[in-house]
Amino acid sequence: MTNSKNEQNEGLIKGVAKEANDFVHNTVDTSGKIVKSISGEGGLVGKTVDSSGRIVKKLSDTGNNAIDQTVETSSKVFKSVTGKAFKKK
């Protein structure tokens, strides 16, 4: 695998993870607005929706960060191994 191909795969994986994270955030926001428009903004249901939405978003952010770190670590290992394997003596 060439470096540019590896970088494309990294970009694809990170891009998909970011899109999924954005999708989760948008879904939580939209569903929260719908529930609060029906139940009322300041009531117990509205506050519960806000709290659970923050939890879901934080979990999604954590997963996204884990994917980013995994891609970064894998990339560094790949570059190190290929550098050593193909290094001219």
C-alpha atoms as a PDB file:
ATOM      1  CA  MET A   1       0.000   0.000   0.000  1.00  0.00           C
ATOM      2  CA  THR A   2       1.433   3.371  -0.972  1.00  0.00           C
ATOM      3  CA  ASN A   3       1.455   6.306   1.413  1.00  0.00           C
ATOM      4  CA  SER A   4      -1.141   8.194  -0.628  1.00  0.00           C
ATOM      5  CA  LYS A   5      -3.440   5.154  -0.618  1.00  0.00           C
ATOM      6  CA  ASN A   6      -2.925   4.789   3.139  1.00  0.00           C
ATOM      7  CA  GLU A   7      -3.673   8.503   3.642  1.00  0.00           C
ATOM      8  CA  GLN A   8      -6.822   8.175   1.518  1.00  0.00           C
ATOM      9  CA  ASN A   9      -7.998   5.287   3.702  1.00  0.00           C
ATOM     10  CA  GLU A  10      -7.231   7.313   6.843  1.00  0.00           C
ATOM     11  CA  GLY A  11      -9.202  10.219   5.441  1.00  0.00           C
ATOM     12  CA  LEU A  12     -12.086   7.940   4.517  1.00  0.00           C
ATOM     13  CA  ILE A  13     -12.261   6.328   7.937  1.00  0.00           C
ATOM     14  CA  LYS A  14     -11.996   9.640   9.780  1.00  0.00           C
ATOM     15  CA  GLY A  15     -14.493  11.237   7.404  1.00  0.00           C
ATOM     16  CA  VAL A  16     -17.055   8.489   7.885  1.00  0.00           C
ATOM     17  CA  ALA A  17     -16.605   8.603  11.659  1.00  0.00           C
ATOM     18  CA  LYS A  18     -17.075  12.390  11.656  1.00  0.00           C
ATOM     19  CA  GLU A  19     -20.198  12.121   9.478  1.00  0.00           C
ATOM     20  CA  ALA A  20     -21.646   9.460  11.796  1.00  0.00           C
ATOM     21  CA  ASN A  21     -20.874  11.639  14.817  1.00  0.00           C
ATOM     22  CA  ASP A  22     -22.526  14.655  13.164  1.00  0.00           C
ATOM     23  CA  PHE A  23     -25.541  12.492  12.277  1.00  0.00           C
ATOM     24  CA  VAL A  24     -25.936  11.404  15.909  1.00  0.00           C
ATOM     25  CA  HIS A  25     -25.664  15.008  17.121  1.00  0.00           C
ATOM     26  CA  ASN A  26     -28.232  16.241  14.586  1.00  0.00           C
ATOM     27  CA  THR A  27     -30.618  13.384  15.370  1.00  0.00           C
ATOM     28  CA  VAL A  28     -30.398  14.062  19.113  1.00  0.00           C
ATOM     29  CA  ASP A  29     -30.970  17.791  18.573  1.00  0.00           C
ATOM     30  CA  THR A  30     -33.923  17.263  16.239  1.00  0.00           C
ATOM     31  CA  SER A  31     -35.624  14.648  18.387  1.00  0.00           C
ATOM     32  CA  GLY A  32     -35.091  16.832  21.452  1.00  0.00           C
ATOM     33  CA  LYS A  33     -36.747  19.786  19.731  1.00  0.00           C
ATOM     34  CA  ILE A  34     -39.698  17.627  18.705  1.00  0.00           C
ATOM     35  CA  VAL A  35     -40.223  16.190  22.187  1.00  0.00           C
ATOM     36  CA  LYS A  36     -39.865  19.593  23.857  1.00  0.00           C
ATOM     37  CA  SER A  37     -42.261  21.207  21.385  1.00  0.00           C
ATOM     38  CA  ILE A  38     -44.868  18.666  22.437  1.00  0.00           C
ATOM     39  CA  SER A  39     -44.137  18.406  26.160  1.00  0.00           C
ATOM     40  CA  GLY A  40     -42.875  21.901  26.902  1.00  0.00           C
ATOM     41  CA  GLU A  41     -39.402  23.348  27.267  1.00  0.00           C
ATOM     42  CA  GLY A  42     -39.012  23.660  31.032  1.00  0.00           C
ATOM     43  CA  GLY A  43     -40.765  20.557  32.303  1.00  0.00           C
ATOM     44  CA  LEU A  44     -39.341  17.335  33.598  1.00  0.00           C
ATOM     45  CA  VAL A  45     -39.592  15.675  30.189  1.00  0.00           C
ATOM     46  CA  GLY A  46     -37.710  18.537  28.516  1.00  0.00           C
ATOM     47  CA  LYS A  47     -34.950  18.421  31.111  1.00  0.00           C
ATOM     48  CA  THR A  48     -34.691  14.640  30.789  1.00  0.00           C
ATOM     49  CA  VAL A  49     -34.421  14.950  27.022  1.00  0.00           C
ATOM     50  CA  ASP A  50     -31.632  17.518  27.412  1.00  0.00           C
ATOM     51  CA  SER A  51     -29.706  15.326  29.864  1.00  0.00           C
ATOM     52  CA  SER A  52     -30.045  12.154  27.835  1.00  0.00           C
ATOM     53  CA  GLY A  53     -29.128  14.061  24.670  1.00  0.00           C
ATOM     54  CA  ARG A  54     -25.914  15.307  26.270  1.00  0.00           C
ATOM     55  CA  ILE A  55     -25.050  11.742  27.321  1.00  0.00           C
ATOM     56  CA  VAL A  56     -25.635  10.344  23.830  1.00  0.00           C
ATOM     57  CA  LYS A  57     -23.605  13.146  22.232  1.00  0.00           C
ATOM     58  CA  LYS A  58     -20.723  12.624  24.680  1.00  0.00           C
ATOM     59  CA  LEU A  59     -20.691   8.887  23.936  1.00  0.00           C
ATOM     60  CA  SER A  60     -20.660   9.618  20.220  1.00  0.00           C
ATOM     61  CA  ASP A  61     -17.801  12.100  20.647  1.00  0.00           C
ATOM     62  CA  THR A  62     -15.851   9.536  22.661  1.00  0.00           C
ATOM     63  CA  GLY A  63     -16.293   6.909  19.947  1.00  0.00           C
ATOM     64  CA  ASN A  64     -15.263   9.389  17.273  1.00  0.00           C
ATOM     65  CA  ASN A  65     -12.130  10.337  19.231  1.00  0.00           C
ATOM     66  CA  ALA A  66     -11.258   6.660  19.731  1.00  0.00           C
ATOM     67  CA  ILE A  67     -11.519   6.064  15.976  1.00  0.00           C
ATOM     68  CA  ASP A  68      -9.325   9.094  15.250  1.00  0.00           C
ATOM     69  CA  GLN A  69      -6.684   7.924  17.719  1.00  0.00           C
ATOM     70  CA  THR A  70      -6.772   4.376  16.339  1.00  0.00           C
ATOM     71  CA  VAL A  71      -6.278   5.658  12.798  1.00  0.00           C
ATOM     72  CA  GLU A  72      -3.411   7.905  13.901  1.00  0.00           C
ATOM     73  CA  THR A  73      -1.692   5.088  15.805  1.00  0.00           C
ATOM     74  CA  SER A  74      -2.167   2.628  12.953  1.00  0.00           C
ATOM     75  CA  SER A  75      -0.748   5.146  10.508  1.00  0.00           C
ATOM     76  CA  LYS A  76       2.347   5.736  12.638  1.00  0.00           C
ATOM     77  CA  VAL A  77       2.943   1.996  13.010  1.00  0.00           C
ATOM     78  CA  PHE A  78       2.444   1.436   9.283  1.00  0.00           C
ATOM     79  CA  LYS A  79       4.864   4.209   8.373  1.00  0.00           C
ATOM     80  CA  SER A  80       7.433   2.960  10.874  1.00  0.00           C
ATOM     81  CA  VAL A  81       7.234  -0.645   9.674  1.00  0.00           C
ATOM     82  CA  THR A  82       7.360   0.248   5.984  1.00  0.00           C
ATOM     83  CA  GLY A  83      10.212   2.675   6.631  1.00  0.00           C
ATOM     84  CA  LYS A  84      12.233  -0.038   8.336  1.00  0.00           C
ATOM     85  CA  ALA A  85      11.292  -2.779   5.877  1.00  0.00           C
ATOM     86  CA  PHE A  86      12.179  -0.815   2.769  1.00  0.00           C
ATOM     87  CA  LYS A  87      15.046   1.237   4.128  1.00  0.00           C
ATOM     88  CA  LYS A  88      18.112   1.047   1.925  1.00  0.00           C
ATOM     89  CA  LYS A  89      21.268  -0.046   3.701  1.00  0.00           C
END
